[in-house]
Protein backbone atom coordinates (compact mmCIF):
# COMPACT_ATOMS: atom_id res chain seq x y z
CA MET A 1 26.91 -48.97 52.30
CA ASP A 2 25.45 -52.48 52.40
CA THR A 3 22.15 -53.57 53.94
CA PHE A 4 23.83 -54.10 57.33
CA GLY A 5 25.25 -50.59 57.54
CA ARG A 6 28.84 -51.52 56.65
CA THR A 7 30.79 -49.09 54.48
CA VAL A 8 32.05 -51.09 51.50
CA ASP A 9 34.73 -49.12 49.66
CA TYR A 10 37.34 -51.77 48.88
CA LEU A 11 37.35 -53.82 45.64
CA ARG A 12 39.77 -56.69 45.13
CA ILE A 13 40.26 -57.34 41.42
CA SER A 14 41.53 -60.68 40.12
CA ILE A 15 43.16 -60.16 36.73
CA THR A 16 43.85 -63.85 36.07
CA ASP A 17 43.20 -67.29 37.50
CA ARG A 18 46.58 -68.50 36.22
CA CYS A 19 49.40 -69.07 38.65
CA ASN A 20 53.03 -70.18 38.52
CA GLU A 21 52.62 -72.04 41.82
CA ARG A 22 50.12 -74.64 43.00
CA CYS A 23 49.44 -73.84 46.65
CA VAL A 24 47.46 -76.59 48.35
CA TYR A 25 45.01 -74.08 49.89
CA CYS A 26 44.34 -72.21 46.64
CA MET A 27 44.52 -74.39 43.53
CA PRO A 28 43.17 -77.97 43.48
CA GLU A 29 45.12 -80.60 41.63
CA GLY A 30 44.22 -80.70 37.93
CA TYR A 31 42.64 -77.24 37.81
CA LYS A 32 42.82 -75.87 34.24
CA GLY A 33 40.31 -73.04 34.31
CA TRP A 34 42.72 -70.65 32.65
CA GLU A 35 42.44 -72.52 29.36
CA VAL A 36 39.25 -70.56 28.63
CA LYS A 37 41.09 -67.33 27.85
CA PRO A 38 38.25 -65.38 26.18
CA ASP A 39 36.35 -65.49 29.46
CA HIS A 40 38.92 -63.25 31.14
CA LEU A 41 38.31 -59.52 31.27
CA THR A 42 40.54 -57.34 29.12
CA ALA A 43 42.63 -54.53 30.57
CA ALA A 44 40.11 -52.01 29.19
CA GLU A 45 37.21 -53.86 30.83
CA ILE A 46 39.03 -53.98 34.17
CA THR A 47 39.76 -50.27 33.96
CA ARG A 48 36.11 -49.59 33.17
CA VAL A 49 34.99 -51.45 36.29
CA VAL A 50 37.49 -49.45 38.35
CA ARG A 51 36.15 -46.20 36.87
CA VAL A 52 32.54 -47.12 37.64
CA ALA A 53 33.40 -48.39 41.13
CA ALA A 54 35.39 -45.23 41.92
CA GLY A 55 32.34 -43.23 40.86
CA MET A 56 30.41 -45.20 43.49
CA ARG A 57 32.91 -44.14 46.18
CA PHE A 58 35.06 -47.26 46.13
CA ARG A 59 38.44 -45.84 47.07
CA LYS A 60 40.72 -48.81 47.74
CA PHE A 61 41.62 -51.44 45.16
CA ARG A 62 43.79 -54.56 45.23
CA VAL A 63 45.12 -56.44 42.20
CA THR A 64 45.09 -60.20 42.77
CA GLY A 65 45.01 -63.52 40.94
CA GLY A 66 45.78 -66.38 40.57
CA GLU A 67 49.15 -64.74 40.41
CA PRO A 68 48.72 -61.26 38.92
CA LEU A 69 52.33 -61.02 37.75
CA VAL A 70 51.88 -63.81 35.19
CA ARG A 71 49.68 -61.45 33.19
CA GLN A 72 51.84 -59.60 30.68
CA ASP A 73 49.91 -56.31 30.85
CA VAL A 74 49.87 -56.07 34.66
CA VAL A 75 51.96 -52.88 34.77
CA ASP A 76 49.65 -51.25 32.21
CA ILE A 77 46.59 -52.24 34.26
CA VAL A 78 48.07 -50.73 37.42
CA ARG A 79 49.01 -47.54 35.57
CA ALA A 80 45.47 -47.16 34.20
CA MET A 81 43.97 -47.78 37.64
CA ALA A 82 46.26 -45.19 39.22
CA ALA A 83 45.15 -42.61 36.64
CA THR A 84 41.46 -43.15 37.43
CA PRO A 85 39.82 -40.27 39.34
CA GLY A 86 38.69 -41.30 42.81
CA VAL A 87 41.19 -44.13 43.24
CA GLU A 88 43.09 -43.43 46.47
CA HIS A 89 45.04 -46.63 46.96
CA ILE A 90 46.18 -49.62 44.89
CA GLY A 91 47.67 -52.71 46.48
CA MET A 92 48.67 -56.10 45.12
CA SER A 93 48.80 -59.65 46.45
CA SER A 94 51.55 -61.77 44.89
CA ASN A 95 53.51 -64.94 45.47
CA GLY A 96 56.65 -62.94 44.68
CA ILE A 97 58.03 -65.37 42.09
CA ARG A 98 58.24 -62.70 39.34
CA LEU A 99 58.46 -59.69 41.60
CA ALA A 100 62.22 -59.20 41.39
CA GLY A 101 61.93 -57.92 37.84
CA LEU A 102 58.61 -56.11 38.22
CA ALA A 103 58.72 -54.39 41.61
CA GLN A 104 60.17 -51.10 40.40
CA PRO A 105 58.01 -50.87 37.22
CA LEU A 106 54.92 -51.51 39.34
CA ARG A 107 55.95 -48.88 41.88
CA ASP A 108 56.58 -46.39 39.08
CA ALA A 109 53.13 -47.21 37.62
CA GLY A 110 51.42 -46.26 40.88
CA LEU A 111 51.23 -49.44 42.96
CA GLY A 112 51.27 -48.43 46.62
CA THR A 113 51.62 -51.62 48.62
CA VAL A 114 52.32 -55.30 48.06
CA ASN A 115 51.47 -58.39 50.14
CA ILE A 116 53.74 -61.36 49.47
CA SER A 117 52.87 -64.96 50.35
CA LEU A 118 55.60 -66.70 52.33
CA ASP A 119 54.37 -69.91 53.94
CA ALA A 120 57.82 -71.23 54.86
CA LEU A 121 61.49 -70.34 54.65
CA ASP A 122 62.67 -73.94 54.49
CA PRO A 123 62.92 -74.76 50.75
CA VAL A 124 61.56 -78.28 51.15
CA ILE A 125 58.52 -77.21 53.16
CA TYR A 126 57.93 -74.25 50.85
CA ARG A 127 57.94 -76.53 47.81
CA ARG A 128 55.59 -78.97 49.55
CA VAL A 129 53.05 -76.20 50.12
CA THR A 130 53.41 -74.27 46.88
CA GLY A 131 55.37 -76.31 44.37
CA GLY A 132 57.65 -73.29 43.98
CA ASP A 133 61.16 -72.04 44.73
CA VAL A 134 61.47 -69.94 47.89
CA ALA A 135 64.74 -68.38 46.69
CA ARG A 136 62.85 -66.57 43.94
CA VAL A 137 60.30 -65.31 46.47
CA LEU A 138 63.05 -63.97 48.72
CA ALA A 139 64.55 -62.16 45.73
CA GLY A 140 61.13 -60.64 45.06
CA ILE A 141 60.84 -59.51 48.68
CA ARG A 142 64.24 -57.83 48.51
CA ALA A 143 63.26 -56.07 45.28
CA ALA A 144 59.98 -54.89 46.78
CA VAL A 145 61.75 -53.42 49.81
CA ALA A 146 64.29 -51.69 47.55
CA SER A 147 61.51 -50.22 45.39
CA ASN A 148 60.25 -48.06 48.25
CA PHE A 149 56.63 -49.21 48.35
CA GLU A 150 54.48 -47.58 50.99
CA ARG A 151 54.32 -50.95 52.70
CA VAL A 152 55.38 -54.56 52.10
CA LYS A 153 53.64 -57.27 54.14
CA LEU A 154 54.24 -61.01 54.39
CA ASN A 155 51.37 -63.51 54.48
CA CYS A 156 51.56 -67.04 55.87
CA VAL A 157 48.67 -69.54 55.84
CA LEU A 158 48.69 -71.69 58.98
CA MET A 159 48.72 -75.46 58.41
CA ARG A 160 49.13 -77.84 61.32
CA GLY A 161 51.56 -80.64 60.56
CA VAL A 162 53.00 -78.68 57.64
CA ASN A 163 54.48 -75.33 58.56
CA GLU A 164 54.01 -74.66 62.28
CA GLN A 165 57.74 -75.17 62.83
CA GLU A 166 58.33 -72.35 60.36
CA LEU A 167 56.46 -69.70 62.36
CA TRP A 168 59.36 -68.63 64.54
CA PRO A 169 61.87 -68.46 61.64
CA LEU A 170 59.33 -66.36 59.76
CA VAL A 171 58.96 -64.04 62.75
CA LEU A 172 62.73 -63.59 62.92
CA PHE A 173 62.90 -62.97 59.17
CA ALA A 174 60.11 -60.40 59.37
CA ALA A 175 61.81 -58.65 62.28
CA GLU A 176 65.17 -58.60 60.51
CA HIS A 177 63.69 -56.91 57.46
CA GLY A 178 61.21 -54.69 59.30
CA LEU A 179 58.20 -56.25 57.58
CA PRO A 180 54.81 -57.04 59.14
CA LEU A 181 53.96 -60.76 59.13
CA ARG A 182 50.33 -61.89 58.98
CA LEU A 183 49.31 -65.39 60.04
CA ILE A 184 46.09 -66.52 58.37
CA GLU A 185 43.77 -69.37 59.22
CA LEU A 186 43.26 -71.99 56.52
CA MET A 187 39.91 -71.68 54.73
CA PRO A 188 38.05 -74.30 52.62
CA LEU A 189 38.71 -72.64 49.27
CA THR A 190 39.96 -75.41 47.00
CA THR A 191 37.91 -78.47 47.88
CA ALA A 192 35.77 -79.08 50.91
CA ASP A 193 38.25 -81.59 52.33
CA VAL A 194 41.24 -79.22 52.19
CA LEU A 195 40.24 -78.14 55.69
CA SER A 196 40.22 -80.78 58.43
CA GLU A 197 40.73 -80.99 62.17
CA LYS A 198 44.10 -82.56 61.42
CA ASN A 199 45.55 -79.65 59.43
CA PHE A 200 43.62 -76.66 60.77
CA MET A 201 45.61 -74.41 63.10
CA PRO A 202 43.63 -71.61 64.76
CA VAL A 203 45.33 -68.26 65.21
CA GLY A 204 45.00 -68.74 68.98
CA GLU A 205 47.31 -71.75 68.80
CA ALA A 206 49.81 -69.80 66.68
CA MET A 207 49.75 -67.03 69.29
CA ALA A 208 50.41 -69.58 72.03
CA LEU A 209 53.40 -71.00 70.12
CA LEU A 210 54.92 -67.55 69.64
CA SER A 211 54.24 -66.69 73.29
CA GLN A 212 56.60 -69.48 74.30
CA ARG A 213 59.41 -67.49 72.65
CA ASP A 214 58.47 -63.87 73.22
CA GLU A 215 55.86 -61.64 74.80
CA LEU A 216 53.01 -60.55 72.53
CA ILE A 217 51.93 -56.98 73.20
CA PRO A 218 48.48 -56.14 71.76
CA GLN A 219 48.31 -53.24 69.33
CA PRO A 220 44.54 -52.58 69.26
CA ASP A 221 44.85 -49.30 67.38
CA ARG A 222 47.40 -50.52 64.82
CA ARG A 223 45.95 -50.69 61.30
CA LEU A 224 48.14 -51.62 58.38
CA GLY A 225 45.96 -51.41 55.32
CA PHE A 226 42.26 -52.15 55.17
CA GLY A 227 41.92 -55.77 56.26
CA PRO A 228 40.83 -57.58 59.44
CA ALA A 229 44.22 -58.47 60.97
CA LYS A 230 44.68 -57.95 64.71
CA TYR A 231 48.27 -56.93 65.38
CA TYR A 232 50.71 -57.70 68.19
CA GLN A 233 54.24 -56.45 68.73
CA LEU A 234 56.72 -59.02 69.97
CA LYS A 235 58.55 -57.41 72.88
CA HIS A 236 62.07 -58.73 72.33
CA THR A 237 62.31 -59.40 68.60
CA GLY A 238 60.36 -56.26 67.68
CA ALA A 239 58.40 -58.19 65.05
CA LEU A 240 54.92 -56.97 64.19
CA VAL A 241 52.60 -59.95 63.69
CA GLY A 242 48.99 -59.82 62.55
CA PHE A 243 46.48 -62.62 63.08
CA ILE A 244 43.57 -63.24 60.68
CA GLY A 245 41.08 -65.72 62.14
CA ALA A 246 38.29 -66.06 59.61
CA LEU A 247 36.94 -69.21 61.28
CA THR A 248 37.62 -68.74 64.97
CA ASN A 249 36.86 -65.01 65.23
CA LEU A 250 33.07 -64.90 65.52
CA HIS A 251 33.11 -61.13 64.89
CA PHE A 252 35.24 -61.44 61.75
CA CYS A 253 32.62 -60.15 59.31
CA GLU A 254 31.19 -57.30 61.35
CA THR A 255 33.29 -54.61 59.72
CA CYS A 256 33.89 -56.24 56.32
CA ASN A 257 34.47 -53.50 53.75
CA LYS A 258 35.24 -55.44 50.59
CA MET A 259 33.88 -57.14 47.49
CA ARG A 260 35.71 -59.05 44.76
CA LEU A 261 35.80 -59.02 40.97
CA THR A 262 36.79 -62.38 39.50
CA ALA A 263 39.00 -62.68 36.44
CA ASP A 264 35.99 -63.74 34.36
CA GLY A 265 33.93 -60.73 35.36
CA LYS A 266 31.79 -61.78 38.32
CA ILE A 267 31.27 -59.49 41.29
CA ARG A 268 31.42 -61.61 44.44
CA PRO A 269 30.14 -59.81 47.54
CA CYS A 270 31.69 -62.31 49.98
CA LEU A 271 34.60 -64.72 49.65
CA GLY A 272 32.80 -67.35 51.73
CA ASP A 273 29.42 -67.19 50.00
CA GLN A 274 28.47 -68.50 46.55
CA CYS A 275 26.57 -65.36 45.44
CA GLU A 276 27.98 -63.76 42.27
CA VAL A 277 26.68 -61.11 39.86
CA ASP A 278 27.86 -61.25 36.24
CA LEU A 279 29.38 -58.02 34.86
CA ARG A 280 31.05 -59.45 31.79
CA HIS A 281 27.99 -59.40 29.54
CA ALA A 282 27.26 -55.79 30.41
CA LEU A 283 30.90 -54.79 29.94
CA ARG A 284 30.88 -56.28 26.44
CA HIS A 285 27.40 -55.39 25.25
CA GLU A 286 26.24 -52.35 27.22
CA PRO A 287 28.07 -49.10 26.36
CA ASP A 288 26.32 -47.24 29.17
CA ASP A 289 28.20 -47.41 32.48
CA GLU A 290 24.90 -47.10 34.33
CA THR A 291 24.14 -50.77 33.71
CA VAL A 292 27.50 -51.80 35.18
CA LYS A 293 26.87 -49.53 38.16
CA GLN A 294 23.45 -51.07 38.77
CA LEU A 295 24.93 -54.58 38.72
CA ILE A 296 27.61 -53.61 41.24
CA MET A 297 24.87 -52.12 43.42
CA ILE A 298 22.87 -55.37 43.19
CA ALA A 299 25.95 -57.29 44.36
CA LEU A 300 26.45 -54.84 47.22
CA GLN A 301 22.87 -55.30 48.38
CA ARG A 302 23.36 -59.08 48.32
CA LYS A 303 26.43 -58.98 50.55
CA PRO A 304 25.62 -61.37 53.42
CA LEU A 305 25.99 -60.63 57.10
CA GLU A 306 28.74 -63.26 57.43
CA HIS A 307 30.60 -65.94 55.50
CA GLN A 308 29.53 -69.59 55.36
CA PHE A 309 32.88 -71.22 56.19
CA ARG A 310 31.53 -72.55 59.50
CA SER A 311 28.47 -74.10 57.81
CA SER A 312 29.93 -77.01 55.81
CA TYR A 313 30.85 -74.63 52.98
CA LYS A 314 31.54 -76.42 49.70
CA PRO A 315 33.43 -74.32 47.13
CA CYS A 316 31.98 -74.35 43.64
CA ARG A 317 35.19 -72.86 42.31
CA PRO A 318 38.64 -72.65 43.89
CA MET A 319 40.37 -69.65 45.41
CA THR A 320 42.55 -69.15 42.33
CA ALA A 321 39.37 -68.59 40.29
CA ILE A 322 37.81 -66.22 42.83
CA GLY A 323 40.76 -63.97 43.59
CA GLY A 324 42.82 -63.52 46.73
């Protein structure tokens, strides 16, 4: 429990800051942080953090990046996490580019759920946002569904003037495949100027656009996973759509239950706050897990009441280096 009485039992673990896409909201142009390979935690170090965290009653874990599937030992990492006593759930966030060939091995290793980024179905718009090929993502989605994960969710970052015309096609796609779709407000996580009045679309505006096509029925008791999405069922299409309003929801942080481990071994108590606690030195020079535990506890006690995104937040490192 943190100093504000919130139960924090969810650790999101970035295993790399590399990515095979260059999403405008995640990786700034020219970013080359991954060139410093020795800074990244090894699979054994990641597993050690999971073991210590599980001993502190962390129960839910998510493997992120960068893009986690570009790391060659990702299946081994998931398997080791799944074998750790106290771990109750392992999820993954992916862009889906390499998922077609890895979905079943990951499921067999113990991965429970997967969230796949899908910011557009139109190939041109998708490439504009991510630099990638949407056909490969769709193949990854199909493979994930066929691999019988506990749940597959789709994530879309809202960008006015970029992908608002894609929202309804995405809703229809989600409904057709029986997948929840989450619409997420843009956050200033690459450079400070990535977020502007021109390109920011609040979730309220997205709800209004969808309401022109279908009736949104609130699902106040619907929880899919452990995040802050507020879900609505669309009456006629049957789609289940979640809205994540980190900037416009003034109560967004009240029940926050998570911390993050960056690929280079920093515990970050809050995505929208610069505070970090270094674990890497202890992992490499302190054989006693108690030191690692104490550092995680220090990070937990430094978890702020709320993020700083509404206070002229200026990122000191981009989202791809923090972890999704």
